């Protein structure tokens, strides 16, 4: 299948016109379902990844620290910087 399919584009354009005429709540529901279906199709099409790769992808989609105070963000950054992979000093 080519990367560009005029028939598919026509079908999608027609469907978007119909969806655009619906009430806002219904449009939002359809958007959520469409988003879930596309993510699921992409997940099935891509090779399996490790747990850390899945976690990194999830964090890239979300903003876990959004809306938190600057003081908390500063503490998180300091904590993160404390984990530099340096060799421990000998106590000789």
PDB file of N, CA and C in Angstrom:
ATOM      1  N   UNK A   1       0.836  -1.178   0.000  1.00  0.00           N
ATOM      2  CA  UNK A   1       0.000   0.000   0.000  1.00  0.00           C
ATOM      3  C   UNK A   1       0.879   1.239   0.000  1.00  0.00           C
ATOM      4  N   UNK A   2       0.549   2.167  -0.830  1.00  0.00           N
ATOM      5  CA  UNK A   2       1.326   3.402  -0.935  1.00  0.00           C
ATOM      6  C   UNK A   2       1.107   4.276   0.292  1.00  0.00           C
ATOM      7  N   UNK A   3       2.039   5.165   0.530  1.00  0.00           N
ATOM      8  CA  UNK A   3       1.911   6.053   1.690  1.00  0.00           C
ATOM      9  C   UNK A   3       0.757   7.024   1.511  1.00  0.00           C
ATOM     10  N   UNK A   4       0.326   7.207   0.287  1.00  0.00           N
ATOM     11  CA  UNK A   4      -0.771   8.127   0.002  1.00  0.00           C
ATOM     12  C   UNK A   4      -1.864   7.369  -0.716  1.00  0.00           C
ATOM     13  N   UNK A   5      -3.046   7.398  -0.174  1.00  0.00           N
ATOM     14  CA  UNK A   5      -4.176   6.680  -0.753  1.00  0.00           C
ATOM     15  C   UNK A   5      -5.334   7.661  -0.901  1.00  0.00           C
ATOM     16  N   UNK A   6      -5.623   8.087  -2.124  1.00  0.00           N
ATOM     17  CA  UNK A   6      -6.651   9.100  -2.377  1.00  0.00           C
ATOM     18  C   UNK A   6      -8.026   8.625  -1.928  1.00  0.00           C
ATOM     19  N   UNK A   7      -8.334   7.333  -2.109  1.00  0.00           N
ATOM     20  CA  UNK A   7      -9.631   6.812  -1.679  1.00  0.00           C
ATOM     21  C   UNK A   7      -9.787   6.926  -0.159  1.00  0.00           C
ATOM     22  N   UNK A   8      -8.749   6.591   0.554  1.00  0.00           N
ATOM     23  CA  UNK A   8      -8.788   6.681   2.019  1.00  0.00           C
ATOM     24  C   UNK A   8      -8.956   8.129   2.450  1.00  0.00           C
ATOM     25  N   UNK A   9      -8.240   9.031   1.800  1.00  0.00           N
ATOM     26  CA  UNK A   9      -8.368  10.458   2.125  1.00  0.00           C
ATOM     27  C   UNK A   9      -9.805  10.935   1.926  1.00  0.00           C
ATOM     28  N   UNK A  10     -10.440  10.502   0.858  1.00  0.00           N
ATOM     29  CA  UNK A  10     -11.816  10.904   0.569  1.00  0.00           C
ATOM     30  C   UNK A  10     -12.763  10.403   1.658  1.00  0.00           C
ATOM     31  N   UNK A  11     -12.605   9.154   2.055  1.00  0.00           N
ATOM     32  CA  UNK A  11     -13.446   8.578   3.106  1.00  0.00           C
ATOM     33  C   UNK A  11     -13.258   9.349   4.411  1.00  0.00           C
ATOM     34  N   UNK A  12     -12.006   9.618   4.776  1.00  0.00           N
ATOM     35  CA  UNK A  12     -11.740  10.351   6.014  1.00  0.00           C
ATOM     36  C   UNK A  12     -12.305  11.770   5.967  1.00  0.00           C
ATOM     37  N   UNK A  13     -12.138  12.452   4.854  1.00  0.00           N
ATOM     38  CA  UNK A  13     -12.682  13.804   4.729  1.00  0.00           C
ATOM     39  C   UNK A  13     -14.197  13.799   4.895  1.00  0.00           C
ATOM     40  N   UNK A  14     -14.875  12.837   4.278  1.00  0.00           N
ATOM     41  CA  UNK A  14     -16.327  12.732   4.410  1.00  0.00           C
ATOM     42  C   UNK A  14     -16.729  12.464   5.863  1.00  0.00           C
ATOM     43  N   UNK A  15     -16.013  11.575   6.507  1.00  0.00           N
ATOM     44  CA  UNK A  15     -16.321  11.259   7.900  1.00  0.00           C
ATOM     45  C   UNK A  15     -16.081  12.463   8.808  1.00  0.00           C
ATOM     46  N   UNK A  16     -15.016  13.203   8.563  1.00  0.00           N
ATOM     47  CA  UNK A  16     -14.737  14.378   9.393  1.00  0.00           C
ATOM     48  C   UNK A  16     -15.821  15.443   9.230  1.00  0.00           C
ATOM     49  N   UNK A  17     -16.372  15.554   8.037  1.00  0.00           N
ATOM     50  CA  UNK A  17     -17.480  16.500   7.831  1.00  0.00           C
ATOM     51  C   UNK A  17     -18.688  16.108   8.664  1.00  0.00           C
ATOM     52  N   UNK A  18     -18.985  14.821   8.689  1.00  0.00           N
ATOM     53  CA  UNK A  18     -20.121  14.329   9.480  1.00  0.00           C
ATOM     54  C   UNK A  18     -19.859  14.552  10.971  1.00  0.00           C
ATOM     55  N   UNK A  19     -18.669  14.210  11.415  1.00  0.00           N
ATOM     56  CA  UNK A  19     -18.319  14.366  12.829  1.00  0.00           C
ATOM     57  C   UNK A  19     -18.346  15.844  13.228  1.00  0.00           C
ATOM     58  N   UNK A  20     -17.921  16.718  12.342  1.00  0.00           N
ATOM     59  CA  UNK A  20     -17.895  18.149  12.642  1.00  0.00           C
ATOM     60  C   UNK A  20     -19.289  18.697  12.941  1.00  0.00           C
ATOM     61  N   UNK A  21     -20.316  18.084  12.405  1.00  0.00           N
ATOM     62  CA  UNK A  21     -21.695  18.542  12.625  1.00  0.00           C
ATOM     63  C   UNK A  21     -22.281  18.016  13.933  1.00  0.00           C
ATOM     64  N   UNK A  22     -21.591  17.119  14.625  1.00  0.00           N
ATOM     65  CA  UNK A  22     -22.102  16.526  15.858  1.00  0.00           C
ATOM     66  C   UNK A  22     -21.872  17.451  17.056  1.00  0.00           C
ATOM     67  N   UNK A  23     -22.595  17.216  18.139  1.00  0.00           N
ATOM     68  CA  UNK A  23     -22.355  17.981  19.371  1.00  0.00           C
ATOM     69  C   UNK A  23     -20.938  17.749  19.890  1.00  0.00           C
ATOM     70  N   UNK A  24     -20.446  18.709  20.657  1.00  0.00           N
ATOM     71  CA  UNK A  24     -19.066  18.676  21.136  1.00  0.00           C
ATOM     72  C   UNK A  24     -18.739  17.413  21.932  1.00  0.00           C
ATOM     73  N   UNK A  25     -19.643  16.983  22.815  1.00  0.00           N
ATOM     74  CA  UNK A  25     -19.379  15.786  23.627  1.00  0.00           C
ATOM     75  C   UNK A  25     -19.188  14.552  22.740  1.00  0.00           C
ATOM     76  N   UNK A  26     -20.016  14.454  21.708  1.00  0.00           N
ATOM     77  CA  UNK A  26     -19.912  13.311  20.803  1.00  0.00           C
ATOM     78  C   UNK A  26     -18.617  13.373  19.995  1.00  0.00           C
ATOM     79  N   UNK A  27     -18.234  14.558  19.563  1.00  0.00           N
ATOM     80  CA  UNK A  27     -16.956  14.711  18.830  1.00  0.00           C
ATOM     81  C   UNK A  27     -15.790  14.294  19.711  1.00  0.00           C
ATOM     82  N   UNK A  28     -15.820  14.698  20.990  1.00  0.00           N
ATOM     83  CA  UNK A  28     -14.732  14.336  21.910  1.00  0.00           C
ATOM     84  C   UNK A  28     -14.673  12.825  22.116  1.00  0.00           C
ATOM     85  N   UNK A  29     -15.830  12.185  22.239  1.00  0.00           N
ATOM     86  CA  UNK A  29     -15.870  10.729  22.401  1.00  0.00           C
ATOM     87  C   UNK A  29     -15.285  10.039  21.176  1.00  0.00           C
ATOM     88  N   UNK A  30     -15.674  10.501  20.002  1.00  0.00           N
ATOM     89  CA  UNK A  30     -15.168   9.909  18.757  1.00  0.00           C
ATOM     90  C   UNK A  30     -13.658  10.119  18.647  1.00  0.00           C
ATOM     91  N   UNK A  31     -13.187  11.290  19.035  1.00  0.00           N
ATOM     92  CA  UNK A  31     -11.749  11.563  19.008  1.00  0.00           C
ATOM     93  C   UNK A  31     -10.998  10.607  19.928  1.00  0.00           C
ATOM     94  N   UNK A  32     -11.523  10.374  21.135  1.00  0.00           N
ATOM     95  CA  UNK A  32     -10.871   9.438  22.069  1.00  0.00           C
ATOM     96  C   UNK A  32     -10.814   8.029  21.489  1.00  0.00           C
ATOM     97  N   UNK A  33     -11.929   7.583  20.916  1.00  0.00           N
ATOM     98  CA  UNK A  33     -11.970   6.230  20.335  1.00  0.00           C
ATOM     99  C   UNK A  33     -10.992   6.125  19.170  1.00  0.00           C
ATOM    100  N   UNK A  34     -10.981   7.117  18.313  1.00  0.00           N
ATOM    101  CA  UNK A  34     -10.069   7.114  17.165  1.00  0.00           C
ATOM    102  C   UNK A  34      -8.615   7.102  17.635  1.00  0.00           C
ATOM    103  N   UNK A  35      -8.308   7.922  18.635  1.00  0.00           N
ATOM    104  CA  UNK A  35      -6.947   7.976  19.180  1.00  0.00           C
ATOM    105  C   UNK A  35      -6.551   6.615  19.752  1.00  0.00           C
ATOM    106  N   UNK A  36      -7.440   5.989  20.515  1.00  0.00           N
ATOM    107  CA  UNK A  36      -7.153   4.668  21.083  1.00  0.00           C
ATOM    108  C   UNK A  36      -6.916   3.633  19.990  1.00  0.00           C
ATOM    109  N   UNK A  37      -7.733   3.671  18.947  1.00  0.00           N
ATOM    110  CA  UNK A  37      -7.599   2.696  17.865  1.00  0.00           C
ATOM    111  C   UNK A  37      -6.278   2.880  17.106  1.00  0.00           C
ATOM    112  N   UNK A  38      -5.912   4.120  16.863  1.00  0.00           N
ATOM    113  CA  UNK A  38      -4.648   4.389  16.155  1.00  0.00           C
ATOM    114  C   UNK A  38      -3.466   3.957  17.004  1.00  0.00           C
ATOM    115  N   UNK A  39      -3.490   4.275  18.305  1.00  0.00           N
ATOM    116  CA  UNK A  39      -2.396   3.852  19.191  1.00  0.00           C
ATOM    117  C   UNK A  39      -2.292   2.328  19.234  1.00  0.00           C
ATOM    118  N   UNK A  40      -3.428   1.647  19.313  1.00  0.00           N
ATOM    119  CA  UNK A  40      -3.419   0.186  19.351  1.00  0.00           C
ATOM    120  C   UNK A  40      -2.866  -0.393  18.050  1.00  0.00           C
ATOM    121  N   UNK A  41      -3.257   0.181  16.919  1.00  0.00           N
ATOM    122  CA  UNK A  41      -2.744  -0.300  15.624  1.00  0.00           C
ATOM    123  C   UNK A  41      -1.239  -0.081  15.531  1.00  0.00           C
ATOM    124  N   UNK A  42      -0.765   1.072  15.998  1.00  0.00           N
ATOM    125  CA  UNK A  42       0.677   1.339  15.986  1.00  0.00           C
ATOM    126  C   UNK A  42       1.416   0.378  16.897  1.00  0.00           C
ATOM    127  N   UNK A  43       0.824   0.097  18.064  1.00  0.00           N
ATOM    128  CA  UNK A  43       1.459  -0.815  19.010  1.00  0.00           C
ATOM    129  C   UNK A  43       1.586  -2.214  18.407  1.00  0.00           C
ATOM    130  N   UNK A  44       0.539  -2.686  17.740  1.00  0.00           N
ATOM    131  CA  UNK A  44       0.572  -4.006  17.120  1.00  0.00           C
ATOM    132  C   UNK A  44       1.539  -4.060  15.941  1.00  0.00           C
ATOM    133  N   UNK A  45       1.694  -2.940  15.245  1.00  0.00           N
ATOM    134  CA  UNK A  45       2.556  -2.916  14.055  1.00  0.00           C
ATOM    135  C   UNK A  45       4.034  -2.802  14.411  1.00  0.00           C
ATOM    136  N   UNK A  46       4.346  -2.259  15.583  1.00  0.00           N
ATOM    137  CA  UNK A  46       5.753  -2.061  15.936  1.00  0.00           C
ATOM    138  C   UNK A  46       6.282  -3.273  16.693  1.00  0.00           C
ATOM    139  N   UNK A  47       7.579  -3.507  16.611  1.00  0.00           N
ATOM    140  CA  UNK A  47       8.161  -4.641  17.327  1.00  0.00           C
ATOM    141  C   UNK A  47       8.044  -4.422  18.835  1.00  0.00           C
ATOM    142  N   UNK A  48       7.957  -5.502  19.594  1.00  0.00           N
ATOM    143  CA  UNK A  48       7.848  -5.357  21.046  1.00  0.00           C
ATOM    144  C   UNK A  48       9.078  -4.652  21.614  1.00  0.00           C
ATOM    145  N   UNK A  49       8.837  -3.825  22.599  1.00  0.00           N
ATOM    146  CA  UNK A  49       9.937  -3.094  23.229  1.00  0.00           C
ATOM    147  C   UNK A  49      10.008  -3.482  24.695  1.00  0.00           C
ATOM    148  N   UNK A  50      11.124  -3.138  25.292  1.00  0.00           N
ATOM    149  CA  UNK A  50      11.319  -3.444  26.696  1.00  0.00           C
ATOM    150  C   UNK A  50      10.493  -2.544  27.596  1.00  0.00           C
ATOM    151  N   UNK A  51      10.465  -2.894  28.854  1.00  0.00           N
ATOM    152  CA  UNK A  51       9.675  -2.160  29.845  1.00  0.00           C
ATOM    153  C   UNK A  51      10.111  -0.705  29.953  1.00  0.00           C
ATOM    154  N   UNK A  52      11.413  -0.443  29.936  1.00  0.00           N
ATOM    155  CA  UNK A  52      11.913   0.933  30.090  1.00  0.00           C
ATOM    156  C   UNK A  52      11.574   1.778  28.872  1.00  0.00           C
ATOM    157  N   UNK A  53      11.600   1.185  27.694  1.00  0.00           N
ATOM    158  CA  UNK A  53      11.224   1.926  26.483  1.00  0.00           C
ATOM    159  C   UNK A  53       9.750   2.296  26.515  1.00  0.00           C
ATOM    160  N   UNK A  54       8.910   1.380  26.994  1.00  0.00           N
ATOM    161  CA  UNK A  54       7.479   1.695  27.117  1.00  0.00           C
ATOM    162  C   UNK A  54       7.247   2.802  28.137  1.00  0.00           C
ATOM    163  N   UNK A  55       7.969   2.744  29.246  1.00  0.00           N
ATOM    164  CA  UNK A  55       7.844   3.787  30.269  1.00  0.00           C
ATOM    165  C   UNK A  55       8.292   5.141  29.724  1.00  0.00           C
ATOM    166  N   UNK A  56       9.405   5.166  29.002  1.00  0.00           N
ATOM    167  CA  UNK A  56       9.891   6.420  28.424  1.00  0.00           C
ATOM    168  C   UNK A  56       8.894   6.990  27.427  1.00  0.00           C
ATOM    169  N   UNK A  57       8.272   6.122  26.625  1.00  0.00           N
ATOM    170  CA  UNK A  57       7.280   6.600  25.667  1.00  0.00           C
ATOM    171  C   UNK A  57       6.074   7.182  26.399  1.00  0.00           C
ATOM    172  N   UNK A  58       5.627   6.500  27.440  1.00  0.00           N
ATOM    173  CA  UNK A  58       4.473   6.986  28.204  1.00  0.00           C
ATOM    174  C   UNK A  58       4.769   8.331  28.851  1.00  0.00           C
ATOM    175  N   UNK A  59       5.946   8.471  29.421  1.00  0.00           N
ATOM    176  CA  UNK A  59       6.308   9.744  30.051  1.00  0.00           C
ATOM    177  C   UNK A  59       6.449  10.856  29.026  1.00  0.00           C
ATOM    178  N   UNK A  60       6.862  10.516  27.813  1.00  0.00           N
ATOM    179  CA  UNK A  60       6.984  11.553  26.788  1.00  0.00           C
ATOM    180  C   UNK A  60       5.618  12.065  26.350  1.00  0.00           C
ATOM    181  N   UNK A  61       4.580  11.223  26.456  1.00  0.00           N
ATOM    182  CA  UNK A  61       3.216  11.646  26.102  1.00  0.00           C
ATOM    183  C   UNK A  61       2.569  12.444  27.214  1.00  0.00           C
ATOM    184  N   UNK A  62       2.934  12.163  28.449  1.00  0.00           N
ATOM    185  CA  UNK A  62       2.306  12.792  29.597  1.00  0.00           C
ATOM    186  C   UNK A  62       3.239  13.844  30.197  1.00  0.00           C
ATOM    187  N   UNK A  63       2.714  14.664  31.054  1.00  0.00           N
ATOM    188  CA  UNK A  63       3.509  15.636  31.797  1.00  0.00           C
ATOM    189  C   UNK A  63       3.292  15.382  33.280  1.00  0.00           C
ATOM    190  N   UNK A  64       4.027  14.409  33.850  1.00  0.00           N
ATOM    191  CA  UNK A  64       3.752  14.023  35.235  1.00  0.00           C
ATOM    192  C   UNK A  64       3.994  15.138  36.248  1.00  0.00           C
ATOM    193  N   UNK A  65       4.832  16.100  35.911  1.00  0.00           N
ATOM    194  CA  UNK A  65       5.121  17.180  36.854  1.00  0.00           C
ATOM    195  C   UNK A  65       4.393  18.465  36.506  1.00  0.00           C
ATOM    196  N   UNK A  66       3.481  18.416  35.560  1.00  0.00           N
ATOM    197  CA  UNK A  66       2.757  19.611  35.148  1.00  0.00           C
ATOM    198  C   UNK A  66       1.921  20.138  36.306  1.00  0.00           C
ATOM    199  N   UNK A  67       2.014  21.446  36.542  1.00  0.00           N
ATOM    200  CA  UNK A  67       1.220  22.075  37.583  1.00  0.00           C
ATOM    201  C   UNK A  67       1.846  22.000  38.966  1.00  0.00           C
ATOM    202  N   UNK A  68       3.042  21.432  39.102  1.00  0.00           N
ATOM    203  CA  UNK A  68       3.674  21.359  40.412  1.00  0.00           C
ATOM    204  C   UNK A  68       4.482  22.615  40.668  1.00  0.00           C
ATOM    205  N   UNK A  69       4.752  22.854  41.926  1.00  0.00           N
ATOM    206  CA  UNK A  69       5.436  24.085  42.303  1.00  0.00           C
ATOM    207  C   UNK A  69       6.891  24.070  41.844  1.00  0.00           C
ATOM    208  N   UNK A  70       7.441  25.249  41.704  1.00  0.00           N
ATOM    209  CA  UNK A  70       8.851  25.376  41.304  1.00  0.00           C
ATOM    210  C   UNK A  70       9.771  24.770  42.357  1.00  0.00           C
ATOM    211  N   UNK A  71       9.400  24.862  43.629  1.00  0.00           N
ATOM    212  CA  UNK A  71      10.215  24.295  44.697  1.00  0.00           C
ATOM    213  C   UNK A  71      10.309  22.777  44.547  1.00  0.00           C
ATOM    214  N   UNK A  72       9.173  22.135  44.263  1.00  0.00           N
ATOM    215  CA  UNK A  72       9.165  20.691  44.059  1.00  0.00           C
ATOM    216  C   UNK A  72      10.005  20.314  42.844  1.00  0.00           C
ATOM    217  N   UNK A  73       9.851  21.051  41.750  1.00  0.00           N
ATOM    218  CA  UNK A  73      10.632  20.771  40.544  1.00  0.00           C
ATOM    219  C   UNK A  73      12.125  20.923  40.816  1.00  0.00           C
ATOM    220  N   UNK A  74      12.508  21.924  41.605  1.00  0.00           N
ATOM    221  CA  UNK A  74      13.920  22.121  41.958  1.00  0.00           C
ATOM    222  C   UNK A  74      14.429  20.915  42.740  1.00  0.00           C
ATOM    223  N   UNK A  75      13.625  20.425  43.700  1.00  0.00           N
ATOM    224  CA  UNK A  75      14.018  19.261  44.491  1.00  0.00           C
ATOM    225  C   UNK A  75      14.169  18.017  43.618  1.00  0.00           C
ATOM    226  N   UNK A  76      13.269  17.834  42.680  1.00  0.00           N
ATOM    227  CA  UNK A  76      13.352  16.684  41.770  1.00  0.00           C
ATOM    228  C   UNK A  76      14.623  16.768  40.937  1.00  0.00           C
ATOM    229  N   UNK A  77      14.933  17.962  40.434  1.00  0.00           N
ATOM    230  CA  UNK A  77      16.151  18.134  39.627  1.00  0.00           C
ATOM    231  C   UNK A  77      17.402  17.856  40.454  1.00  0.00           C
ATOM    232  N   UNK A  78      17.442  18.348  41.686  1.00  0.00           N
ATOM    233  CA  UNK A  78      18.592  18.094  42.560  1.00  0.00           C
ATOM    234  C   UNK A  78      18.735  16.597  42.836  1.00  0.00           C
ATOM    235  N   UNK A  79      17.611  15.929  43.095  1.00  0.00           N
ATOM    236  CA  UNK A  79      17.639  14.494  43.342  1.00  0.00           C
ATOM    237  C   UNK A  79      18.166  13.754  42.127  1.00  0.00           C
ATOM    238  N   UNK A  80      17.671  14.131  40.950  1.00  0.00           N
ATOM    239  CA  UNK A  80      18.093  13.496  39.703  1.00  0.00           C
ATOM    240  C   UNK A  80      19.584  13.696  39.472  1.00  0.00           C
ATOM    241  N   UNK A  81      20.079  14.904  39.717  1.00  0.00           N
ATOM    242  CA  UNK A  81      21.498  15.194  39.495  1.00  0.00           C
ATOM    243  C   UNK A  81      22.383  14.461  40.483  1.00  0.00           C
ATOM    244  N   UNK A  82      21.836  14.058  41.631  1.00  0.00           N
ATOM    245  CA  UNK A  82      22.599  13.298  42.618  1.00  0.00           C
ATOM    246  C   UNK A  82      22.884  11.875  42.178  1.00  0.00           C
ATOM    247  N   UNK A  83      22.283  11.427  41.112  1.00  0.00           N
ATOM    248  CA  UNK A  83      22.459  10.064  40.630  1.00  0.00           C
ATOM    249  C   UNK A  83      23.431   9.983  39.463  1.00  0.00           C
ATOM    250  N   UNK A  84      24.364  10.875  39.407  1.00  0.00           N
ATOM    251  CA  UNK A  84      25.369  10.810  38.345  1.00  0.00           C
ATOM    252  C   UNK A  84      26.131   9.499  38.474  1.00  0.00           C
ATOM    253  N   UNK A  85      26.448   8.909  37.357  1.00  0.00           N
ATOM    254  CA  UNK A  85      27.123   7.598  37.383  1.00  0.00           C
ATOM    255  C   UNK A  85      28.623   7.754  37.540  1.00  0.00           C
ATOM    256  N   UNK A  86      29.020   8.246  38.679  1.00  0.00           N
ATOM    257  CA  UNK A  86      30.449   8.410  38.975  1.00  0.00           C
ATOM    258  C   UNK A  86      30.884   7.247  39.863  1.00  0.00           C
ATOM    259  N   UNK A  87      32.173   6.941  39.803  1.00  0.00           N
ATOM    260  CA  UNK A  87      32.697   5.874  40.654  1.00  0.00           C
ATOM    261  C   UNK A  87      32.742   6.353  42.098  1.00  0.00           C
ATOM    262  N   UNK A  88      32.399   5.487  43.030  1.00  0.00           N
ATOM    263  CA  UNK A  88      32.456   5.891  44.451  1.00  0.00           C
ATOM    264  C   UNK A  88      33.895   6.144  44.875  1.00  0.00           C
ATOM    265  N   UNK A  89      34.057   7.093  45.789  1.00  0.00           N
ATOM    266  CA  UNK A  89      35.406   7.414  46.290  1.00  0.00           C
ATOM    267  C   UNK A  89      35.831   6.363  47.297  1.00  0.00           C
ATOM    268  N   UNK A  90      37.118   6.015  47.262  1.00  0.00           N
ATOM    269  CA  UNK A  90      37.661   5.050  48.236  1.00  0.00           C
ATOM    270  C   UNK A  90      37.860   5.730  49.558  1.00  0.00           C
ATOM    271  N   UNK A  91      37.611   5.023  50.640  1.00  0.00           N
ATOM    272  CA  UNK A  91      37.744   5.571  51.993  1.00  0.00           C
ATOM    273  C   UNK A  91      39.118   5.264  52.556  1.00  0.00           C
ATOM    274  N   UNK A  92      40.152   5.139  51.754  1.00  0.00           N
ATOM    275  CA  UNK A  92      41.507   4.786  52.205  1.00  0.00           C
ATOM    276  C   UNK A  92      42.067   5.871  53.068  1.00  0.00           C
TER     277      UNK A  92
END
